[in-house]
PDB file of N, CA and C in Angstrom:
ATOM      1  N   MET A   1      18.464  -4.680 -10.546  1.00  0.00           N
ATOM      2  CA  MET A   1      17.325  -4.262  -9.716  1.00  0.00           C
ATOM      3  C   MET A   1      16.089  -4.210 -10.589  1.00  0.00           C
ATOM      4  N   ALA A   2      14.965  -4.586 -10.000  1.00  0.00           N
ATOM      5  CA  ALA A   2      13.688  -4.567 -10.719  1.00  0.00           C
ATOM      6  C   ALA A   2      13.334  -3.124 -11.098  1.00  0.00           C
ATOM      7  N   LYS A   3      12.710  -2.978 -12.228  1.00  0.00           N
ATOM      8  CA  LYS A   3      12.269  -1.662 -12.661  1.00  0.00           C
ATOM      9  C   LYS A   3      11.007  -1.231 -11.911  1.00  0.00           C
ATOM     10  N   LYS A   4      10.241  -2.236 -11.451  1.00  0.00           N
ATOM     11  CA  LYS A   4       9.018  -1.939 -10.740  1.00  0.00           C
ATOM     12  C   LYS A   4       8.898  -2.863  -9.549  1.00  0.00           C
ATOM     13  N   LEU A   5       8.487  -2.311  -8.417  1.00  0.00           N
ATOM     14  CA  LEU A   5       8.259  -3.098  -7.219  1.00  0.00           C
ATOM     15  C   LEU A   5       6.787  -3.077  -6.901  1.00  0.00           C
ATOM     16  N   VAL A   6       6.167  -4.245  -6.814  1.00  0.00           N
ATOM     17  CA  VAL A   6       4.758  -4.387  -6.498  1.00  0.00           C
ATOM     18  C   VAL A   6       4.713  -5.020  -5.109  1.00  0.00           C
ATOM     19  N   ILE A   7       4.128  -4.285  -4.167  1.00  0.00           N
ATOM     20  CA  ILE A   7       4.087  -4.739  -2.775  1.00  0.00           C
ATOM     21  C   ILE A   7       2.628  -4.899  -2.357  1.00  0.00           C
ATOM     22  N   LYS A   8       2.328  -6.076  -1.824  1.00  0.00           N
ATOM     23  CA  LYS A   8       0.993  -6.322  -1.263  1.00  0.00           C
ATOM     24  C   LYS A   8       1.135  -6.387   0.250  1.00  0.00           C
ATOM     25  N   VAL A   9       0.422  -5.525   0.950  1.00  0.00           N
ATOM     26  CA  VAL A   9       0.438  -5.541   2.407  1.00  0.00           C
ATOM     27  C   VAL A   9      -0.897  -6.068   2.902  1.00  0.00           C
ATOM     28  N   THR A  10      -0.839  -7.152   3.648  1.00  0.00           N
ATOM     29  CA  THR A  10      -2.056  -7.796   4.137  1.00  0.00           C
ATOM     30  C   THR A  10      -2.327  -7.484   5.603  1.00  0.00           C
ATOM     31  N   ALA A  11      -1.323  -6.904   6.264  1.00  0.00           N
ATOM     32  CA  ALA A  11      -1.401  -6.669   7.712  1.00  0.00           C
ATOM     33  C   ALA A  11      -1.719  -5.204   7.990  1.00  0.00           C
ATOM     34  N   GLY A  12      -2.414  -4.979   9.090  1.00  0.00           N
ATOM     35  CA  GLY A  12      -2.689  -3.633   9.556  1.00  0.00           C
ATOM     36  C   GLY A  12      -2.278  -3.522  11.019  1.00  0.00           C
ATOM     37  N   ALA A  13      -3.107  -2.924  11.826  1.00  0.00           N
ATOM     38  CA  ALA A  13      -2.833  -2.799  13.243  1.00  0.00           C
ATOM     39  C   ALA A  13      -2.746  -4.154  13.928  1.00  0.00           C
ATOM     40  N   ASP A  14      -3.286  -5.205  13.283  1.00  0.00           N
ATOM     41  CA  ASP A  14      -3.243  -6.552  13.847  1.00  0.00           C
ATOM     42  C   ASP A  14      -1.832  -7.153  13.861  1.00  0.00           C
ATOM     43  N   ALA A  15      -0.963  -6.661  12.956  1.00  0.00           N
ATOM     44  CA  ALA A  15       0.427  -7.106  12.868  1.00  0.00           C
ATOM     45  C   ALA A  15       1.277  -5.881  12.530  1.00  0.00           C
ATOM     46  N   PRO A  16       1.462  -4.973  13.497  1.00  0.00           N
ATOM     47  CA  PRO A  16       2.044  -3.675  13.217  1.00  0.00           C
ATOM     48  C   PRO A  16       3.431  -3.694  12.614  1.00  0.00           C
ATOM     49  N   GLU A  17       4.290  -4.602  13.032  1.00  0.00           N
ATOM     50  CA  GLU A  17       5.650  -4.617  12.478  1.00  0.00           C
ATOM     51  C   GLU A  17       5.651  -5.021  11.020  1.00  0.00           C
ATOM     52  N   ARG A  18       4.876  -6.030  10.665  1.00  0.00           N
ATOM     53  CA  ARG A  18       4.785  -6.451   9.261  1.00  0.00           C
ATOM     54  C   ARG A  18       4.212  -5.331   8.417  1.00  0.00           C
ATOM     55  N   CYS A  19       3.183  -4.690   8.944  1.00  0.00           N
ATOM     56  CA  CYS A  19       2.546  -3.580   8.236  1.00  0.00           C
ATOM     57  C   CYS A  19       3.533  -2.440   8.003  1.00  0.00           C
ATOM     58  N   SER A  20       4.213  -2.037   9.045  1.00  0.00           N
ATOM     59  CA  SER A  20       5.166  -0.939   8.941  1.00  0.00           C
ATOM     60  C   SER A  20       6.300  -1.264   7.970  1.00  0.00           C
ATOM     61  N   GLN A  21       6.766  -2.495   7.983  1.00  0.00           N
ATOM     62  CA  GLN A  21       7.822  -2.912   7.068  1.00  0.00           C
ATOM     63  C   GLN A  21       7.412  -2.726   5.624  1.00  0.00           C
ATOM     64  N   ALA A  22       6.210  -3.107   5.300  1.00  0.00           N
ATOM     65  CA  ALA A  22       5.726  -2.971   3.912  1.00  0.00           C
ATOM     66  C   ALA A  22       5.702  -1.515   3.470  1.00  0.00           C
ATOM     67  N   PHE A  23       5.162  -0.635   4.290  1.00  0.00           N
ATOM     68  CA  PHE A  23       5.096   0.767   3.941  1.00  0.00           C
ATOM     69  C   PHE A  23       6.495   1.388   3.901  1.00  0.00           C
ATOM     70  N   THR A  24       7.373   0.964   4.824  1.00  0.00           N
ATOM     71  CA  THR A  24       8.728   1.487   4.834  1.00  0.00           C
ATOM     72  C   THR A  24       9.490   1.087   3.586  1.00  0.00           C
ATOM     73  N   VAL A  25       9.409  -0.181   3.214  1.00  0.00           N
ATOM     74  CA  VAL A  25      10.095  -0.637   2.005  1.00  0.00           C
ATOM     75  C   VAL A  25       9.545   0.099   0.768  1.00  0.00           C
ATOM     76  N   ALA A  26       8.259   0.275   0.725  1.00  0.00           N
ATOM     77  CA  ALA A  26       7.666   0.994  -0.444  1.00  0.00           C
ATOM     78  C   ALA A  26       8.182   2.418  -0.490  1.00  0.00           C
ATOM     79  N   ALA A  27       8.211   3.105   0.643  1.00  0.00           N
ATOM     80  CA  ALA A  27       8.664   4.496   0.680  1.00  0.00           C
ATOM     81  C   ALA A  27      10.149   4.623   0.333  1.00  0.00           C
ATOM     82  N   VAL A  28      10.973   3.714   0.832  1.00  0.00           N
ATOM     83  CA  VAL A  28      12.410   3.722   0.531  1.00  0.00           C
ATOM     84  C   VAL A  28      12.614   3.457  -0.967  1.00  0.00           C
ATOM     85  N   ALA A  29      11.862   2.526  -1.525  1.00  0.00           N
ATOM     86  CA  ALA A  29      11.970   2.232  -2.945  1.00  0.00           C
ATOM     87  C   ALA A  29      11.610   3.460  -3.784  1.00  0.00           C
ATOM     88  N   VAL A  30      10.514   4.129  -3.427  1.00  0.00           N
ATOM     89  CA  VAL A  30      10.132   5.349  -4.147  1.00  0.00           C
ATOM     90  C   VAL A  30      11.243   6.398  -4.065  1.00  0.00           C
ATOM     91  N   ALA A  31      11.787   6.577  -2.866  1.00  0.00           N
ATOM     92  CA  ALA A  31      12.869   7.559  -2.679  1.00  0.00           C
ATOM     93  C   ALA A  31      14.117   7.178  -3.460  1.00  0.00           C
ATOM     94  N   SER A  32      14.260   5.874  -3.770  1.00  0.00           N
ATOM     95  CA  SER A  32      15.409   5.400  -4.540  1.00  0.00           C
ATOM     96  C   SER A  32      15.172   5.429  -6.038  1.00  0.00           C
ATOM     97  N   GLY A  33      14.002   5.906  -6.434  1.00  0.00           N
ATOM     98  CA  GLY A  33      13.709   6.016  -7.848  1.00  0.00           C
ATOM     99  C   GLY A  33      13.058   4.810  -8.482  1.00  0.00           C
ATOM    100  N   VAL A  34      12.649   3.849  -7.675  1.00  0.00           N
ATOM    101  CA  VAL A  34      11.986   2.653  -8.174  1.00  0.00           C
ATOM    102  C   VAL A  34      10.494   2.955  -8.354  1.00  0.00           C
ATOM    103  N   GLU A  35       9.930   2.451  -9.417  1.00  0.00           N
ATOM    104  CA  GLU A  35       8.484   2.571  -9.625  1.00  0.00           C
ATOM    105  C   GLU A  35       7.796   1.612  -8.642  1.00  0.00           C
ATOM    106  N   VAL A  36       6.899   2.140  -7.841  1.00  0.00           N
ATOM    107  CA  VAL A  36       6.275   1.353  -6.757  1.00  0.00           C
ATOM    108  C   VAL A  36       4.762   1.336  -6.905  1.00  0.00           C
ATOM    109  N   SER A  37       4.218   0.149  -6.725  1.00  0.00           N
ATOM    110  CA  SER A  37       2.775  -0.041  -6.621  1.00  0.00           C
ATOM    111  C   SER A  37       2.507  -0.791  -5.329  1.00  0.00           C
ATOM    112  N   LEU A  38       1.877  -0.110  -4.369  1.00  0.00           N
ATOM    113  CA  LEU A  38       1.567  -0.693  -3.071  1.00  0.00           C
ATOM    114  C   LEU A  38       0.086  -1.071  -3.040  1.00  0.00           C
ATOM    115  N   TRP A  39      -0.199  -2.317  -2.717  1.00  0.00           N
ATOM    116  CA  TRP A  39      -1.565  -2.817  -2.659  1.00  0.00           C
ATOM    117  C   TRP A  39      -1.986  -3.015  -1.216  1.00  0.00           C
ATOM    118  N   LEU A  40      -3.123  -2.460  -0.855  1.00  0.00           N
ATOM    119  CA  LEU A  40      -3.690  -2.592   0.496  1.00  0.00           C
ATOM    120  C   LEU A  40      -4.756  -3.681   0.444  1.00  0.00           C
ATOM    121  N   THR A  41      -4.537  -4.731   1.273  1.00  0.00           N
ATOM    122  CA  THR A  41      -5.498  -5.839   1.328  1.00  0.00           C
ATOM    123  C   THR A  41      -5.701  -6.192   2.796  1.00  0.00           C
ATOM    124  N   GLY A  42      -6.724  -6.953   3.055  1.00  0.00           N
ATOM    125  CA  GLY A  42      -6.976  -7.374   4.438  1.00  0.00           C
ATOM    126  C   GLY A  42      -7.078  -6.173   5.368  1.00  0.00           C
ATOM    127  N   GLU A  43      -6.460  -6.300   6.533  1.00  0.00           N
ATOM    128  CA  GLU A  43      -6.578  -5.245   7.553  1.00  0.00           C
ATOM    129  C   GLU A  43      -5.885  -3.947   7.163  1.00  0.00           C
ATOM    130  N   SER A  44      -4.935  -3.992   6.213  1.00  0.00           N
ATOM    131  CA  SER A  44      -4.316  -2.738   5.778  1.00  0.00           C
ATOM    132  C   SER A  44      -5.274  -1.888   4.943  1.00  0.00           C
ATOM    133  N   SER A  45      -6.375  -2.465   4.526  1.00  0.00           N
ATOM    134  CA  SER A  45      -7.371  -1.738   3.735  1.00  0.00           C
ATOM    135  C   SER A  45      -7.820  -0.455   4.415  1.00  0.00           C
ATOM    136  N   TRP A  46      -7.900  -0.483   5.725  1.00  0.00           N
ATOM    137  CA  TRP A  46      -8.372   0.670   6.490  1.00  0.00           C
ATOM    138  C   TRP A  46      -7.497   1.899   6.272  1.00  0.00           C
ATOM    139  N   PHE A  47      -6.226   1.703   5.910  1.00  0.00           N
ATOM    140  CA  PHE A  47      -5.309   2.837   5.727  1.00  0.00           C
ATOM    141  C   PHE A  47      -5.576   3.607   4.451  1.00  0.00           C
ATOM    142  N   ALA A  48      -6.517   3.146   3.643  1.00  0.00           N
ATOM    143  CA  ALA A  48      -6.934   3.901   2.454  1.00  0.00           C
ATOM    144  C   ALA A  48      -7.868   5.035   2.843  1.00  0.00           C
ATOM    145  N   LEU A  49      -8.353   5.017   4.078  1.00  0.00           N
ATOM    146  CA  LEU A  49      -9.295   6.040   4.539  1.00  0.00           C
ATOM    147  C   LEU A  49      -8.561   7.200   5.200  1.00  0.00           C
ATOM    148  N   PRO A  50      -9.023   8.427   5.001  1.00  0.00           N
ATOM    149  CA  PRO A  50      -8.419   9.592   5.664  1.00  0.00           C
ATOM    150  C   PRO A  50      -8.430   9.421   7.169  1.00  0.00           C
ATOM    151  N   GLY A  51      -7.298   9.763   7.787  1.00  0.00           N
ATOM    152  CA  GLY A  51      -7.187   9.732   9.234  1.00  0.00           C
ATOM    153  C   GLY A  51      -6.810   8.413   9.857  1.00  0.00           C
ATOM    154  N   ARG A  52      -7.010   7.319   9.151  1.00  0.00           N
ATOM    155  CA  ARG A  52      -6.761   6.003   9.742  1.00  0.00           C
ATOM    156  C   ARG A  52      -5.263   5.761  10.000  1.00  0.00           C
ATOM    157  N   ALA A  53      -4.420   6.205   9.109  1.00  0.00           N
ATOM    158  CA  ALA A  53      -2.978   5.982   9.304  1.00  0.00           C
ATOM    159  C   ALA A  53      -2.453   6.722  10.517  1.00  0.00           C
ATOM    160  N   ALA A  54      -3.070   7.866  10.832  1.00  0.00           N
ATOM    161  CA  ALA A  54      -2.635   8.654  12.003  1.00  0.00           C
ATOM    162  C   ALA A  54      -2.878   7.909  13.311  1.00  0.00           C
ATOM    163  N   GLU A  55      -3.807   6.965  13.281  1.00  0.00           N
ATOM    164  CA  GLU A  55      -4.129   6.180  14.481  1.00  0.00           C
ATOM    165  C   GLU A  55      -3.121   5.050  14.713  1.00  0.00           C
ATOM    166  N   PHE A  56      -2.303   4.739  13.696  1.00  0.00           N
ATOM    167  CA  PHE A  56      -1.348   3.647  13.761  1.00  0.00           C
ATOM    168  C   PHE A  56      -0.076   4.102  14.471  1.00  0.00           C
ATOM    169  N   GLU A  57       0.332   3.325  15.470  1.00  0.00           N
ATOM    170  CA  GLU A  57       1.552   3.668  16.207  1.00  0.00           C
ATOM    171  C   GLU A  57       2.435   2.425  16.349  1.00  0.00           C
ATOM    172  N   LEU A  58       3.723   2.640  16.112  1.00  0.00           N
ATOM    173  CA  LEU A  58       4.711   1.583  16.309  1.00  0.00           C
ATOM    174  C   LEU A  58       6.010   2.254  16.737  1.00  0.00           C
ATOM    175  N   PRO A  59       6.501   1.949  17.923  1.00  0.00           N
ATOM    176  CA  PRO A  59       7.743   2.590  18.388  1.00  0.00           C
ATOM    177  C   PRO A  59       8.895   2.389  17.399  1.00  0.00           C
ATOM    178  N   HIS A  60       9.654   3.431  17.218  1.00  0.00           N
ATOM    179  CA  HIS A  60      10.877   3.417  16.383  1.00  0.00           C
ATOM    180  C   HIS A  60      10.558   3.228  14.899  1.00  0.00           C
ATOM    181  N   ALA A  61       9.343   3.505  14.492  1.00  0.00           N
ATOM    182  CA  ALA A  61       8.950   3.384  13.077  1.00  0.00           C
ATOM    183  C   ALA A  61       8.540   4.781  12.587  1.00  0.00           C
ATOM    184  N   ALA A  62       8.757   4.988  11.304  1.00  0.00           N
ATOM    185  CA  ALA A  62       8.321   6.244  10.699  1.00  0.00           C
ATOM    186  C   ALA A  62       6.806   6.338  10.765  1.00  0.00           C
ATOM    187  N   PRO A  63       6.269   7.551  10.952  1.00  0.00           N
ATOM    188  CA  PRO A  63       4.810   7.709  10.991  1.00  0.00           C
ATOM    189  C   PRO A  63       4.171   7.256   9.678  1.00  0.00           C
ATOM    190  N   LEU A  64       3.164   6.441   9.810  1.00  0.00           N
ATOM    191  CA  LEU A  64       2.479   5.896   8.622  1.00  0.00           C
ATOM    192  C   LEU A  64       1.944   6.974   7.681  1.00  0.00           C
ATOM    193  N   PRO A  65       1.363   8.075   8.189  1.00  0.00           N
ATOM    194  CA  PRO A  65       0.902   9.116   7.256  1.00  0.00           C
ATOM    195  C   PRO A  65       2.040   9.675   6.394  1.00  0.00           C
ATOM    196  N   ASP A  66       3.229   9.817   6.974  1.00  0.00           N
ATOM    197  CA  ASP A  66       4.376  10.328   6.215  1.00  0.00           C
ATOM    198  C   ASP A  66       4.783   9.325   5.123  1.00  0.00           C
ATOM    199  N   LEU A  67       4.781   8.047   5.458  1.00  0.00           N
ATOM    200  CA  LEU A  67       5.123   7.026   4.469  1.00  0.00           C
ATOM    201  C   LEU A  67       4.097   7.009   3.337  1.00  0.00           C
ATOM    202  N   ILE A  68       2.842   7.104   3.673  1.00  0.00           N
ATOM    203  CA  ILE A  68       1.793   7.113   2.651  1.00  0.00           C
ATOM    204  C   ILE A  68       1.967   8.331   1.733  1.00  0.00           C
ATOM    205  N   ASP A  69       2.219   9.493   2.315  1.00  0.00           N
ATOM    206  CA  ASP A  69       2.409  10.693   1.518  1.00  0.00           C
ATOM    207  C   ASP A  69       3.584  10.529   0.541  1.00  0.00           C
ATOM    208  N   SER A  70       4.684   9.947   1.016  1.00  0.00           N
ATOM    209  CA  SER A  70       5.841   9.808   0.148  1.00  0.00           C
ATOM    210  C   SER A  70       5.581   8.777  -0.952  1.00  0.00           C
ATOM    211  N   ILE A  71       4.842   7.749  -0.649  1.00  0.00           N
ATOM    212  CA  ILE A  71       4.514   6.747  -1.672  1.00  0.00           C
ATOM    213  C   ILE A  71       3.600   7.361  -2.732  1.00  0.00           C
ATOM    214  N   LEU A  72       2.579   8.078  -2.288  1.00  0.00           N
ATOM    215  CA  LEU A  72       1.651   8.700  -3.234  1.00  0.00           C
ATOM    216  C   LEU A  72       2.305   9.793  -4.068  1.00  0.00           C
ATOM    217  N   ALA A  73       3.372  10.396  -3.561  1.00  0.00           N
ATOM    218  CA  ALA A  73       4.023  11.487  -4.304  1.00  0.00           C
ATOM    219  C   ALA A  73       4.631  10.988  -5.622  1.00  0.00           C
ATOM    220  N   SER A  74       5.134   9.737  -5.646  1.00  0.00           N
ATOM    221  CA  SER A  74       5.769   9.236  -6.855  1.00  0.00           C
ATOM    222  C   SER A  74       5.371   7.821  -7.183  1.00  0.00           C
ATOM    223  N   GLY A  75       4.574   7.194  -6.367  1.00  0.00           N
ATOM    224  CA  GLY A  75       4.156   5.810  -6.610  1.00  0.00           C
ATOM    225  C   GLY A  75       2.647   5.709  -6.644  1.00  0.00           C
ATOM    226  N   HIS A  76       2.177   4.482  -6.511  1.00  0.00           N
ATOM    227  CA  HIS A  76       0.741   4.220  -6.580  1.00  0.00           C
ATOM    228  C   HIS A  76       0.318   3.396  -5.372  1.00  0.00           C
ATOM    229  N   ILE A  77      -0.853   3.697  -4.853  1.00  0.00           N
ATOM    230  CA  ILE A  77      -1.473   2.886  -3.810  1.00  0.00           C
ATOM    231  C   ILE A  77      -2.823   2.427  -4.330  1.00  0.00           C
ATOM    232  N   THR A  78      -3.055   1.118  -4.205  1.00  0.00           N
ATOM    233  CA  THR A  78      -4.297   0.526  -4.671  1.00  0.00           C
ATOM    234  C   THR A  78      -4.950  -0.243  -3.545  1.00  0.00           C
ATOM    235  N   LEU A  79      -6.231  -0.061  -3.389  1.00  0.00           N
ATOM    236  CA  LEU A  79      -7.046  -0.814  -2.442  1.00  0.00           C
ATOM    237  C   LEU A  79      -7.720  -1.965  -3.177  1.00  0.00           C
ATOM    238  N   CYS A  80      -7.605  -3.148  -2.664  1.00  0.00           N
ATOM    239  CA  CYS A  80      -8.228  -4.332  -3.254  1.00  0.00           C
ATOM    240  C   CYS A  80      -9.742  -4.165  -3.325  1.00  0.00           C
ATOM    241  N   THR A  81     -10.304  -4.484  -4.467  1.00  0.00           N
ATOM    242  CA  THR A  81     -11.739  -4.341  -4.709  1.00  0.00           C
ATOM    243  C   THR A  81     -12.554  -5.129  -3.693  1.00  0.00           C
ATOM    244  N   GLN A  82     -12.233  -6.415  -3.515  1.00  0.00           N
ATOM    245  CA  GLN A  82     -13.008  -7.248  -2.609  1.00  0.00           C
ATOM    246  C   GLN A  82     -12.853  -6.796  -1.166  1.00  0.00           C
ATOM    247  N   CYS A  83     -11.610  -6.409  -0.805  1.00  0.00           N
ATOM    248  CA  CYS A  83     -11.378  -5.944   0.571  1.00  0.00           C
ATOM    249  C   CYS A  83     -12.159  -4.661   0.834  1.00  0.00           C
ATOM    250  N   ALA A  84     -12.220  -3.784  -0.149  1.00  0.00           N
ATOM    251  CA  ALA A  84     -13.000  -2.555  -0.006  1.00  0.00           C
ATOM    252  C   ALA A  84     -14.483  -2.882   0.168  1.00  0.00           C
ATOM    253  N   ALA A  85     -14.983  -3.775  -0.658  1.00  0.00           N
ATOM    254  CA  ALA A  85     -16.403  -4.139  -0.611  1.00  0.00           C
ATOM    255  C   ALA A  85     -16.764  -4.742   0.738  1.00  0.00           C
ATOM    256  N   ARG A  86     -15.900  -5.617   1.268  1.00  0.00           N
ATOM    257  CA  ARG A  86     -16.167  -6.270   2.570  1.00  0.00           C
ATOM    258  C   ARG A  86     -16.241  -5.235   3.692  1.00  0.00           C
ATOM    259  N   ARG A  87     -15.545  -4.123   3.520  1.00  0.00           N
ATOM    260  CA  ARG A  87     -15.509  -3.071   4.548  1.00  0.00           C
ATOM    261  C   ARG A  87     -16.409  -1.882   4.195  1.00  0.00           C
ATOM    262  N   GLU A  88     -17.163  -2.055   3.121  1.00  0.00           N
ATOM    263  CA  GLU A  88     -18.079  -1.009   2.625  1.00  0.00           C
ATOM    264  C   GLU A  88     -17.360   0.305   2.349  1.00  0.00           C
ATOM    265  N   ILE A  89     -16.138   0.204   1.805  1.00  0.00           N
ATOM    266  CA  ILE A  89     -15.349   1.370   1.421  1.00  0.00           C
ATOM    267  C   ILE A  89     -15.561   1.597  -0.081  1.00  0.00           C
ATOM    268  N   THR A  90     -15.846   2.822  -0.446  1.00  0.00           N
ATOM    269  CA  THR A  90     -16.046   3.157  -1.859  1.00  0.00           C
ATOM    270  C   THR A  90     -14.956   4.146  -2.310  1.00  0.00           C
ATOM    271  N   GLU A  91     -14.934   4.397  -3.605  1.00  0.00           N
ATOM    272  CA  GLU A  91     -13.983   5.352  -4.161  1.00  0.00           C
ATOM    273  C   GLU A  91     -14.144   6.747  -3.569  1.00  0.00           C
ATOM    274  N   ASP A  92     -15.360   7.078  -3.165  1.00  0.00           N
ATOM    275  CA  ASP A  92     -15.614   8.390  -2.559  1.00  0.00           C
ATOM    276  C   ASP A  92     -15.026   8.498  -1.144  1.00  0.00           C
ATOM    277  N   ASP A  93     -14.696   7.361  -0.541  1.00  0.00           N
ATOM    278  CA  ASP A  93     -14.216   7.330   0.827  1.00  0.00           C
ATOM    279  C   ASP A  93     -12.676   7.448   0.960  1.00  0.00           C
ATOM    280  N   VAL A  94     -11.954   7.034  -0.073  1.00  0.00           N
ATOM    281  CA  VAL A  94     -10.518   6.851   0.078  1.00  0.00           C
ATOM    282  C   VAL A  94      -9.721   8.162  -0.095  1.00  0.00           C
ATOM    283  N   LEU A  95      -8.481   8.104   0.386  1.00  0.00           N
ATOM    284  CA  LEU A  95      -7.547   9.221   0.240  1.00  0.00           C
ATOM    285  C   LEU A  95      -7.391   9.586  -1.237  1.00  0.00           C
ATOM    286  N   LYS A  96      -7.164  10.864  -1.502  1.00  0.00           N
ATOM    287  CA  LYS A  96      -6.915  11.289  -2.870  1.00  0.00           C
ATOM    288  C   LYS A  96      -5.669  10.576  -3.381  1.00  0.00           C
ATOM    289  N   GLY A  97      -5.793   9.999  -4.569  1.00  0.00           N
ATOM    290  CA  GLY A  97      -4.679   9.295  -5.184  1.00  0.00           C
ATOM    291  C   GLY A  97      -4.724   7.778  -5.005  1.00  0.00           C
ATOM    292  N   VAL A  98      -5.574   7.279  -4.126  1.00  0.00           N
ATOM    293  CA  VAL A  98      -5.722   5.850  -3.937  1.00  0.00           C
ATOM    294  C   VAL A  98      -6.794   5.340  -4.894  1.00  0.00           C
ATOM    295  N   ARG A  99      -6.459   4.302  -5.629  1.00  0.00           N
ATOM    296  CA  ARG A  99      -7.449   3.695  -6.530  1.00  0.00           C
ATOM    297  C   ARG A  99      -7.930   2.383  -5.945  1.00  0.00           C
ATOM    298  N   ILE A 100      -9.063   1.903  -6.454  1.00  0.00           N
ATOM    299  CA  ILE A 100      -9.576   0.600  -6.088  1.00  0.00           C
ATOM    300  C   ILE A 100      -9.532  -0.250  -7.337  1.00  0.00           C
ATOM    301  N   ALA A 101      -8.884  -1.437  -7.210  1.00  0.00           N
ATOM    302  CA  ALA A 101      -8.768  -2.361  -8.361  1.00  0.00           C
ATOM    303  C   ALA A 101      -8.679  -3.787  -7.827  1.00  0.00           C
ATOM    304  N   GLY A 102      -8.867  -4.731  -8.724  1.00  0.00           N
ATOM    305  CA  GLY A 102      -8.931  -6.117  -8.355  1.00  0.00           C
ATOM    306  C   GLY A 102      -7.717  -6.961  -8.690  1.00  0.00           C
ATOM    307  N   ALA A 103      -7.874  -8.257  -8.475  1.00  0.00           N
ATOM    308  CA  ALA A 103      -6.786  -9.215  -8.617  1.00  0.00           C
ATOM    309  C   ALA A 103      -6.198  -9.235 -10.041  1.00  0.00           C
ATOM    310  N   GLN A 104      -7.037  -9.019 -11.022  1.00  0.00           N
ATOM    311  CA  GLN A 104      -6.531  -9.024 -12.415  1.00  0.00           C
ATOM    312  C   GLN A 104      -5.453  -7.952 -12.595  1.00  0.00           C
ATOM    313  N   VAL A 105      -5.683  -6.790 -12.055  1.00  0.00           N
ATOM    314  CA  VAL A 105      -4.715  -5.697 -12.177  1.00  0.00           C
ATOM    315  C   VAL A 105      -3.443  -6.019 -11.382  1.00  0.00           C
ATOM    316  N   PHE A 106      -3.628  -6.594 -10.185  1.00  0.00           N
ATOM    317  CA  PHE A 106      -2.455  -6.994  -9.374  1.00  0.00           C
ATOM    318  C   PHE A 106      -1.603  -7.994 -10.148  1.00  0.00           C
ATOM    319  N   VAL A 107      -2.226  -8.997 -10.729  1.00  0.00           N
ATOM    320  CA  VAL A 107      -1.485 -10.021 -11.467  1.00  0.00           C
ATOM    321  C   VAL A 107      -0.788  -9.388 -12.678  1.00  0.00           C
ATOM    322  N   GLN A 108      -1.437  -8.501 -13.380  1.00  0.00           N
ATOM    323  CA  GLN A 108      -0.790  -7.822 -14.517  1.00  0.00           C
ATOM    324  C   GLN A 108       0.458  -7.081 -14.062  1.00  0.00           C
ATOM    325  N   GLU A 109       0.346  -6.342 -12.977  1.00  0.00           N
ATOM    326  CA  GLU A 109       1.497  -5.574 -12.466  1.00  0.00           C
ATOM    327  C   GLU A 109       2.609  -6.508 -11.983  1.00  0.00           C
ATOM    328  N   ALA A 110       2.260  -7.539 -11.247  1.00  0.00           N
ATOM    329  CA  ALA A 110       3.261  -8.433 -10.687  1.00  0.00           C
ATOM    330  C   ALA A 110       3.979  -9.257 -11.745  1.00  0.00           C
ATOM    331  N   MET A 111       3.289  -9.537 -12.855  1.00  0.00           N
ATOM    332  CA  MET A 111       3.875 -10.369 -13.913  1.00  0.00           C
ATOM    333  C   MET A 111       4.547  -9.578 -15.026  1.00  0.00           C
ATOM    334  N   ALA A 112       4.493  -8.274 -14.940  1.00  0.00           N
ATOM    335  CA  ALA A 112       5.101  -7.434 -15.993  1.00  0.00           C
ATOM    336  C   ALA A 112       6.616  -7.637 -16.023  1.00  0.00           C
ATOM    337  N   ASP A 113       7.181  -7.480 -17.195  1.00  0.00           N
ATOM    338  CA  ASP A 113       8.645  -7.587 -17.337  1.00  0.00           C
ATOM    339  C   ASP A 113       9.322  -6.578 -16.414  1.00  0.00           C
ATOM    340  N   GLY A 114      10.317  -7.029 -15.695  1.00  0.00           N
ATOM    341  CA  GLY A 114      11.076  -6.155 -14.818  1.00  0.00           C
ATOM    342  C   GLY A 114      10.441  -5.915 -13.467  1.00  0.00           C
ATOM    343  N   ALA A 115       9.312  -6.551 -13.184  1.00  0.00           N
ATOM    344  CA  ALA A 115       8.620  -6.336 -11.923  1.00  0.00           C
ATOM    345  C   ALA A 115       9.080  -7.373 -10.877  1.00  0.00           C
ATOM    346  N   GLN A 116       9.112  -6.924  -9.646  1.00  0.00           N
ATOM    347  CA  GLN A 116       9.392  -7.786  -8.493  1.00  0.00           C
ATOM    348  C   GLN A 116       8.219  -7.624  -7.534  1.00  0.00           C
ATOM    349  N   ALA A 117       7.636  -8.718  -7.110  1.00  0.00           N
ATOM    350  CA  ALA A 117       6.514  -8.645  -6.186  1.00  0.00           C
ATOM    351  C   ALA A 117       6.931  -9.136  -4.793  1.00  0.00           C
ATOM    352  N   LEU A 118       6.455  -8.417  -3.776  1.00  0.00           N
ATOM    353  CA  LEU A 118       6.667  -8.774  -2.368  1.00  0.00           C
ATOM    354  C   LEU A 118       5.318  -8.795  -1.671  1.00  0.00           C
ATOM    355  N   VAL A 119       5.157  -9.699  -0.752  1.00  0.00           N
ATOM    356  CA  VAL A 119       3.917  -9.762   0.032  1.00  0.00           C
ATOM    357  C   VAL A 119       4.298  -9.717   1.509  1.00  0.00           C
ATOM    358  N   TYR A 120       3.651  -8.794   2.230  1.00  0.00           N
ATOM    359  CA  TYR A 120       3.844  -8.659   3.677  1.00  0.00           C
ATOM    360  C   TYR A 120       2.551  -9.006   4.384  1.00  0.00           C
TER     361      TYR A 120
END
């Protein structure tokens, strides 16, 4: 098993099942003791903002705020720099514990020894 799981989620409310799967896999991995780095890109970028995850609904899926809380408890959530800029989101706007970083950091994490990258 990979020592680190790097997950990039590109979907938000526009593709709720794909979005929920990414957050669910990240939360299960954290609960299993895997080091997790979840990247928010595209429409998932909005979930870096307080209150936005509470607006997301998908039948038979765990509540997105709960998944985010569990990921942040032991893992990392990063908002893509360009995605944030396109949406005029700044570091002052995001949930506590969410960082903003760019493609160079994503590539470093994804290419690290023992890392496995997934894209949803």
